[in-house]
Amino acid sequence: MEQEYPYLRIGTAYYKIVQKPLASGDRMTLLLPWSVECIKQDHGKSYLSGIPKYDGFCFVPSYLHYKRFIGNFYNRYHPFIHVPKIGQPERTLAYLGHIFGDQLEYGLDYLKILLEIPMQMLPILCLVSTERNTGKTTFLKSYKDVFLFLNNDKAGQTAAEKLRQADINGIDASEFYKGYNDVNDYLSAQRRGALRAEARREAPE
């Protein structure tokens, strides 16, 4: 259906499915808001009735058993774009060995869990080095999307811009914690609110 109609109606809003070219040569699937008037101008009013309709968005991570549509919801999680091949990935192992050094086994376990059990909670991976050409930026570029949970201030904006200039597809996630300095402040406020609500429920009449 997506090939026949490069549009979707999610809830009451219309979107166009586009393939955004990246500097790496890859393409990234995006949903861009598209006005119903533009669709009618381009294709005629009767075209609207054939556009697939869904109740809303969902976000369900899965690589090995990926589904774009779950129930009547559009899954915003992207499928795994690589096709595994049988063999020894010598170049990949050499590259990861450069990244992780003597922690290579931990790095391989980390990536394996990300692939097979994407909902599993894991420690945050921090690539830290004052030296250049250690592979930090290259490692980030290997990800199709990088969600940026940066401070809602000038420093956060500057960091996001530097990542984009390095051709890292950084998606600004600060909308999730709008009104707070950072995601930690937001989560702390949510936690305090939950504790207050729990205390009120348990308080004697």
Protein backbone atom coordinates (compact mmCIF):
# COMPACT_ATOMS: atom_id res chain seq x y z
CA MET A 1 0.00 0.00 0.00
CA GLU A 2 2.82 2.41 0.80
CA GLN A 3 4.22 2.12 -2.73
CA GLU A 4 0.86 2.81 -4.34
CA TYR A 5 0.06 5.67 -1.99
CA PRO A 6 3.11 7.53 -0.65
CA TYR A 7 0.86 9.08 1.99
CA LEU A 8 -0.65 8.02 5.29
CA ARG A 9 -3.38 9.41 7.47
CA ILE A 10 -2.42 9.02 11.12
CA GLY A 11 -5.32 10.03 13.32
CA THR A 12 -6.63 13.16 11.62
CA ALA A 13 -3.32 14.32 10.09
CA TYR A 14 -1.82 13.47 6.71
CA TYR A 15 1.84 12.58 6.10
CA LYS A 16 3.96 11.91 3.03
CA ILE A 17 6.49 9.07 3.09
CA VAL A 18 9.81 10.36 1.75
CA GLN A 19 13.33 8.99 1.44
CA LYS A 20 15.77 11.61 2.70
CA PRO A 21 19.28 11.26 1.20
CA LEU A 22 22.18 11.33 3.65
CA ALA A 23 25.75 12.40 3.00
CA SER A 24 26.81 8.80 3.66
CA GLY A 25 24.91 7.69 0.55
CA ASP A 26 22.18 5.99 2.59
CA ARG A 27 18.57 7.07 2.72
CA MET A 28 16.34 7.56 5.72
CA THR A 29 12.56 7.09 5.67
CA LEU A 30 10.72 10.10 7.06
CA LEU A 31 7.09 11.05 7.53
CA LEU A 32 6.59 14.70 6.64
CA PRO A 33 3.33 16.50 7.50
CA TRP A 34 1.44 17.09 4.25
CA SER A 35 -1.67 19.19 3.86
CA VAL A 36 -4.82 17.60 2.53
CA GLU A 37 -5.16 20.51 0.11
CA CYS A 38 -1.78 19.76 -1.47
CA ILE A 39 -2.71 16.11 -1.89
CA LYS A 40 -5.98 17.06 -3.59
CA GLN A 41 -4.19 19.54 -5.87
CA ASP A 42 -1.62 16.92 -6.89
CA HIS A 43 -3.88 13.87 -7.21
CA GLY A 44 -7.52 14.93 -7.08
CA LYS A 45 -10.08 14.68 -4.29
CA SER A 46 -10.98 11.04 -4.96
CA TYR A 47 -7.36 10.05 -4.25
CA LEU A 48 -7.88 10.68 -0.53
CA SER A 49 -10.18 7.69 -0.07
CA GLY A 50 -7.39 5.27 -1.00
CA ILE A 51 -4.80 6.60 1.44
CA PRO A 52 -4.14 4.08 4.27
CA LYS A 53 -5.56 5.25 7.60
CA TYR A 54 -4.27 4.48 11.10
CA ASP A 55 -5.38 5.47 14.56
CA GLY A 56 -2.03 6.79 15.75
CA PHE A 57 1.68 6.17 16.25
CA CYS A 58 3.42 3.57 18.38
CA PHE A 59 7.09 2.93 19.10
CA VAL A 60 7.88 -0.79 19.37
CA PRO A 61 11.59 -1.69 18.99
CA SER A 62 12.36 -4.92 17.17
CA TYR A 63 14.98 -5.86 14.60
CA LEU A 64 14.65 -9.59 14.09
CA HIS A 65 10.81 -9.58 14.13
CA TYR A 66 10.10 -6.07 12.90
CA LYS A 67 6.56 -4.90 12.08
CA ARG A 68 5.82 -1.51 10.51
CA PHE A 69 2.14 -1.71 11.46
CA ILE A 70 0.99 -3.06 14.82
CA GLY A 71 -2.76 -3.32 15.11
CA ASN A 72 -4.02 -0.09 13.63
CA PHE A 73 -0.94 1.90 14.64
CA TYR A 74 2.09 3.02 12.64
CA ASN A 75 5.36 1.91 14.24
CA ARG A 76 7.84 4.79 14.17
CA TYR A 77 10.72 2.45 14.96
CA HIS A 78 12.85 1.84 11.88
CA PRO A 79 13.66 -1.65 10.55
CA PHE A 80 17.18 -3.05 10.52
CA ILE A 81 18.66 -2.03 7.15
CA HIS A 82 21.57 -4.50 7.06
CA VAL A 83 21.34 -8.07 5.79
CA PRO A 84 23.52 -10.48 7.84
CA LYS A 85 25.89 -12.72 5.90
CA ILE A 86 27.64 -15.90 6.98
CA GLY A 87 31.35 -15.43 7.53
CA GLN A 88 33.97 -13.84 9.75
CA PRO A 89 33.54 -10.04 9.85
CA GLU A 90 37.27 -9.33 10.07
CA ARG A 91 37.09 -5.63 9.18
CA THR A 92 34.20 -5.02 11.57
CA LEU A 93 35.98 -6.84 14.40
CA ALA A 94 39.15 -4.87 13.74
CA TYR A 95 37.17 -1.63 13.83
CA LEU A 96 35.36 -2.60 17.05
CA GLY A 97 38.68 -3.68 18.54
CA HIS A 98 39.94 -0.16 17.81
CA ILE A 99 36.89 1.30 19.58
CA PHE A 100 36.69 -0.96 22.62
CA GLY A 101 40.31 -2.05 23.05
CA ASP A 102 40.67 -4.67 25.79
CA GLN A 103 36.91 -4.36 26.46
CA LEU A 104 36.03 -5.84 23.06
CA GLU A 105 34.06 -8.79 24.46
CA TYR A 106 31.91 -6.42 26.50
CA GLY A 107 31.36 -4.29 23.41
CA LEU A 108 30.29 -7.30 21.35
CA ASP A 109 27.89 -8.43 24.09
CA TYR A 110 26.46 -4.91 24.27
CA LEU A 111 25.80 -4.76 20.52
CA LYS A 112 24.38 -8.30 20.47
CA ILE A 113 21.86 -7.45 23.19
CA LEU A 114 20.90 -4.24 21.38
CA LEU A 115 20.15 -6.30 18.27
CA GLU A 116 18.38 -9.28 19.81
CA ILE A 117 16.68 -7.73 22.87
CA PRO A 118 16.23 -4.01 22.10
CA MET A 119 13.92 -3.50 25.10
CA GLN A 120 16.56 -4.75 27.55
CA MET A 121 17.81 -2.02 29.88
CA LEU A 122 21.58 -1.59 29.53
CA PRO A 123 24.27 0.64 30.98
CA ILE A 124 24.89 3.83 29.03
CA LEU A 125 27.81 3.44 26.64
CA CYS A 126 30.21 6.40 26.87
CA LEU A 127 33.00 6.79 24.33
CA VAL A 128 35.40 9.17 26.04
CA SER A 129 38.82 10.27 24.83
CA THR A 130 40.69 13.56 24.57
CA GLU A 131 42.52 12.22 21.53
CA ARG A 132 41.31 12.54 17.95
CA ASN A 133 40.82 9.71 15.44
CA THR A 134 39.84 7.19 18.10
CA GLY A 135 36.61 6.24 16.31
CA LYS A 136 34.07 8.05 18.51
CA THR A 137 32.41 9.98 15.68
CA THR A 138 32.68 7.07 13.24
CA PHE A 139 30.91 4.83 15.75
CA LEU A 140 28.04 7.32 16.05
CA LYS A 141 27.78 7.56 12.26
CA SER A 142 27.15 3.81 12.12
CA TYR A 143 23.78 4.41 13.77
CA LYS A 144 20.88 5.33 11.52
CA ASP A 145 19.36 7.63 14.14
CA VAL A 146 20.91 9.20 17.23
CA PHE A 147 18.44 10.74 19.67
CA LEU A 148 19.87 13.81 21.38
CA PHE A 149 18.84 14.30 25.01
CA LEU A 150 20.79 17.51 25.51
CA ASN A 151 20.29 20.49 27.79
CA ASN A 152 17.60 22.96 26.78
CA ASP A 153 20.08 25.83 26.63
CA LYS A 154 22.68 27.38 24.35
CA ALA A 155 25.26 24.70 25.16
CA GLY A 156 22.82 21.96 24.17
CA GLN A 157 22.00 23.70 20.89
CA THR A 158 25.71 24.16 20.12
CA ALA A 159 26.44 20.48 20.81
CA ALA A 160 23.56 19.39 18.57
CA GLU A 161 24.81 21.61 15.75
CA LYS A 162 28.34 20.20 16.02
CA LEU A 163 26.97 16.67 15.72
CA ARG A 164 24.97 17.60 12.63
CA GLN A 165 28.04 19.20 11.07
CA ALA A 166 29.83 15.88 11.62
CA ASP A 167 27.06 14.27 9.50
CA ILE A 168 25.54 12.47 12.47
CA ASN A 169 21.79 12.17 12.07
CA GLY A 170 20.91 13.62 15.45
CA ILE A 171 17.21 13.78 16.29
CA ASP A 172 16.42 16.43 18.89
CA ALA A 173 14.45 14.72 21.67
CA SER A 174 14.23 17.80 23.91
CA GLU A 175 10.54 18.18 23.05
CA PHE A 176 9.92 15.29 25.46
CA TYR A 177 11.18 17.36 28.40
CA LYS A 178 10.24 20.83 27.20
CA GLY A 179 10.15 23.31 30.08
CA TYR A 180 12.95 21.54 31.96
CA ASN A 181 16.70 22.14 31.77
CA ASP A 182 17.46 18.53 30.89
CA VAL A 183 16.00 15.04 30.92
CA ASN A 184 17.22 14.43 34.48
CA ASP A 185 15.19 17.40 35.77
CA TYR A 186 12.17 16.11 33.87
CA LEU A 187 12.47 12.57 35.24
CA SER A 188 13.04 13.86 38.77
CA ALA A 189 9.90 16.00 38.52
CA GLN A 190 7.92 13.04 37.21
CA ARG A 191 9.19 10.90 40.07
CA ARG A 192 8.32 13.55 42.67
CA GLY A 193 4.84 13.87 41.19
CA ALA A 194 4.33 10.10 41.32
CA LEU A 195 5.49 9.96 44.95
CA ARG A 196 3.15 12.80 45.95
CA ALA A 197 0.23 11.07 44.22
CA GLU A 198 1.07 7.81 45.99
CA ALA A 199 1.30 9.59 49.35
CA ARG A 200 -2.12 11.17 48.82
CA ARG A 201 -3.65 7.80 47.99
CA GLU A 202 -2.20 6.21 51.12
CA ALA A 203 -3.00 9.11 53.45
CA PRO A 204 -5.77 8.37 55.97
CA GLU A 205 -9.11 10.06 55.38
